[in-house]
Amino acid sequence: MAVTKKIPARLCLGCQQQHPKKELVRIVRSPEGEFSVDLTGKKAGRGAYICNNKECLEKAFKSHGLDRSFKSKIDKAVYDELLQQLLSE
């Protein structure tokens, strides 16, 4: 009997839709407090997921989705840096 493997799903902070984990980009706050885009999904730290497009990051900024996810106020400069990292990859 074949066993079907469960595909993990995550919620995008921008569009609030469930997507397979591999389709989303992970944003990580490292133990030192630095934010970065994690394409591998393996970096150490607290993570939040977002679609790989500019619109979802802008929606997450407007709705303070990352602030809620990381339980701290996130500077606009961090959003700008994340946007640049997201667009460069």
C-alpha atoms as a PDB file:
ATOM      1  CA  MET A   1       0.000   0.000   0.000  1.00  0.00           C
ATOM      2  CA  ALA A   2       1.458   3.360  -1.051  1.00  0.00           C
ATOM      3  CA  VAL A   3       1.736   6.063   1.557  1.00  0.00           C
ATOM      4  CA  THR A   4       0.986   9.589   0.398  1.00  0.00           C
ATOM      5  CA  LYS A   5       3.372  12.124   1.808  1.00  0.00           C
ATOM      6  CA  LYS A   6       1.804  15.163   3.437  1.00  0.00           C
ATOM      7  CA  ILE A   7       2.942  18.459   1.923  1.00  0.00           C
ATOM      8  CA  PRO A   8       3.397  21.109   4.624  1.00  0.00           C
ATOM      9  CA  ALA A   9       1.429  24.314   4.063  1.00  0.00           C
ATOM     10  CA  ARG A  10       2.149  27.760   5.456  1.00  0.00           C
ATOM     11  CA  LEU A  11       0.174  30.999   5.582  1.00  0.00           C
ATOM     12  CA  CYS A  12       1.480  33.962   3.597  1.00  0.00           C
ATOM     13  CA  LEU A  13       1.623  37.098   5.753  1.00  0.00           C
ATOM     14  CA  GLY A  14       0.667  39.274   2.782  1.00  0.00           C
ATOM     15  CA  CYS A  15      -2.255  37.614   1.017  1.00  0.00           C
ATOM     16  CA  GLN A  16      -3.298  35.414   3.984  1.00  0.00           C
ATOM     17  CA  GLN A  17      -3.571  32.342   1.720  1.00  0.00           C
ATOM     18  CA  GLN A  18      -2.317  28.838   2.477  1.00  0.00           C
ATOM     19  CA  HIS A  19       0.409  27.708   0.059  1.00  0.00           C
ATOM     20  CA  PRO A  20       2.768  24.737  -0.013  1.00  0.00           C
ATOM     21  CA  LYS A  21       5.848  25.564   2.034  1.00  0.00           C
ATOM     22  CA  LYS A  22       8.201  25.182  -0.963  1.00  0.00           C
ATOM     23  CA  GLU A  23       6.378  27.926  -2.906  1.00  0.00           C
ATOM     24  CA  LEU A  24       6.932  30.524  -0.174  1.00  0.00           C
ATOM     25  CA  VAL A  25       9.964  32.513   0.928  1.00  0.00           C
ATOM     26  CA  ARG A  26      10.960  32.414   4.585  1.00  0.00           C
ATOM     27  CA  ILE A  27      11.896  35.633   6.348  1.00  0.00           C
ATOM     28  CA  VAL A  28      14.101  34.980   9.364  1.00  0.00           C
ATOM     29  CA  ARG A  29      15.015  36.935  12.471  1.00  0.00           C
ATOM     30  CA  SER A  30      18.325  35.549  13.654  1.00  0.00           C
ATOM     31  CA  PRO A  31      19.114  35.145  17.356  1.00  0.00           C
ATOM     32  CA  GLU A  32      21.153  38.383  17.021  1.00  0.00           C
ATOM     33  CA  GLY A  33      18.034  40.231  15.801  1.00  0.00           C
ATOM     34  CA  GLU A  34      18.972  40.602  12.127  1.00  0.00           C
ATOM     35  CA  PHE A  35      16.368  39.986   9.419  1.00  0.00           C
ATOM     36  CA  SER A  36      17.097  38.189   6.158  1.00  0.00           C
ATOM     37  CA  VAL A  37      15.453  36.256   3.343  1.00  0.00           C
ATOM     38  CA  ASP A  38      15.974  32.490   3.651  1.00  0.00           C
ATOM     39  CA  LEU A  39      15.421  30.608   0.401  1.00  0.00           C
ATOM     40  CA  THR A  40      16.641  27.283   1.821  1.00  0.00           C
ATOM     41  CA  GLY A  41      14.315  27.279   4.842  1.00  0.00           C
ATOM     42  CA  LYS A  42      17.150  26.092   7.073  1.00  0.00           C
ATOM     43  CA  LYS A  43      18.582  29.241   8.693  1.00  0.00           C
ATOM     44  CA  ALA A  44      18.475  29.398  12.473  1.00  0.00           C
ATOM     45  CA  GLY A  45      15.953  31.750  14.024  1.00  0.00           C
ATOM     46  CA  ARG A  46      12.284  32.636  14.049  1.00  0.00           C
ATOM     47  CA  GLY A  47      10.698  32.482  10.616  1.00  0.00           C
ATOM     48  CA  ALA A  48       7.657  33.826   8.814  1.00  0.00           C
ATOM     49  CA  TYR A  49       6.508  32.993   5.310  1.00  0.00           C
ATOM     50  CA  ILE A  50       5.551  35.223   2.412  1.00  0.00           C
ATOM     51  CA  CYS A  51       4.864  34.764  -1.308  1.00  0.00           C
ATOM     52  CA  ASN A  52       7.773  35.463  -3.610  1.00  0.00           C
ATOM     53  CA  ASN A  53       6.424  38.773  -4.918  1.00  0.00           C
ATOM     54  CA  LYS A  54       6.536  42.463  -4.115  1.00  0.00           C
ATOM     55  CA  GLU A  55       2.779  42.849  -3.603  1.00  0.00           C
ATOM     56  CA  CYS A  56       2.612  40.394  -0.699  1.00  0.00           C
ATOM     57  CA  LEU A  57       5.547  42.067   1.074  1.00  0.00           C
ATOM     58  CA  GLU A  58       3.828  45.447   0.694  1.00  0.00           C
ATOM     59  CA  LYS A  59       0.568  44.016   2.081  1.00  0.00           C
ATOM     60  CA  ALA A  60       2.475  42.520   5.030  1.00  0.00           C
ATOM     61  CA  PHE A  61       4.032  45.954   5.667  1.00  0.00           C
ATOM     62  CA  LYS A  62       0.673  47.749   5.561  1.00  0.00           C
ATOM     63  CA  SER A  63      -1.053  45.197   7.787  1.00  0.00           C
ATOM     64  CA  HIS A  64       1.929  44.907  10.189  1.00  0.00           C
ATOM     65  CA  GLY A  65       1.997  41.149   9.554  1.00  0.00           C
ATOM     66  CA  LEU A  66       5.709  40.807  10.235  1.00  0.00           C
ATOM     67  CA  ASP A  67       5.376  42.904  13.402  1.00  0.00           C
ATOM     68  CA  ARG A  68       2.774  40.479  14.739  1.00  0.00           C
ATOM     69  CA  SER A  69       4.670  37.405  13.641  1.00  0.00           C
ATOM     70  CA  PHE A  70       7.941  38.449  15.268  1.00  0.00           C
ATOM     71  CA  LYS A  71       6.203  40.156  18.227  1.00  0.00           C
ATOM     72  CA  SER A  72       8.242  43.335  17.837  1.00  0.00           C
ATOM     73  CA  LYS A  73       8.165  46.605  15.907  1.00  0.00           C
ATOM     74  CA  ILE A  74      10.012  46.317  12.612  1.00  0.00           C
ATOM     75  CA  ASP A  75      11.631  49.376  11.053  1.00  0.00           C
ATOM     76  CA  LYS A  76      10.742  50.497   7.516  1.00  0.00           C
ATOM     77  CA  ALA A  77      14.437  50.185   6.627  1.00  0.00           C
ATOM     78  CA  VAL A  78      14.189  46.448   7.329  1.00  0.00           C
ATOM     79  CA  TYR A  79      11.212  46.166   4.932  1.00  0.00           C
ATOM     80  CA  ASP A  80      13.188  48.041   2.258  1.00  0.00           C
ATOM     81  CA  GLU A  81      16.168  45.714   2.751  1.00  0.00           C
ATOM     82  CA  LEU A  82      13.930  42.630   2.572  1.00  0.00           C
ATOM     83  CA  LEU A  83      12.332  43.968  -0.611  1.00  0.00           C
ATOM     84  CA  GLN A  84      15.756  44.413  -2.209  1.00  0.00           C
ATOM     85  CA  GLN A  85      16.800  40.886  -1.183  1.00  0.00           C
ATOM     86  CA  LEU A  86      13.522  39.466  -2.481  1.00  0.00           C
ATOM     87  CA  LEU A  87      13.806  41.216  -5.854  1.00  0.00           C
ATOM     88  CA  SER A  88      17.463  40.285  -6.329  1.00  0.00           C
ATOM     89  CA  GLU A  89      16.758  36.548  -6.045  1.00  0.00           C
END
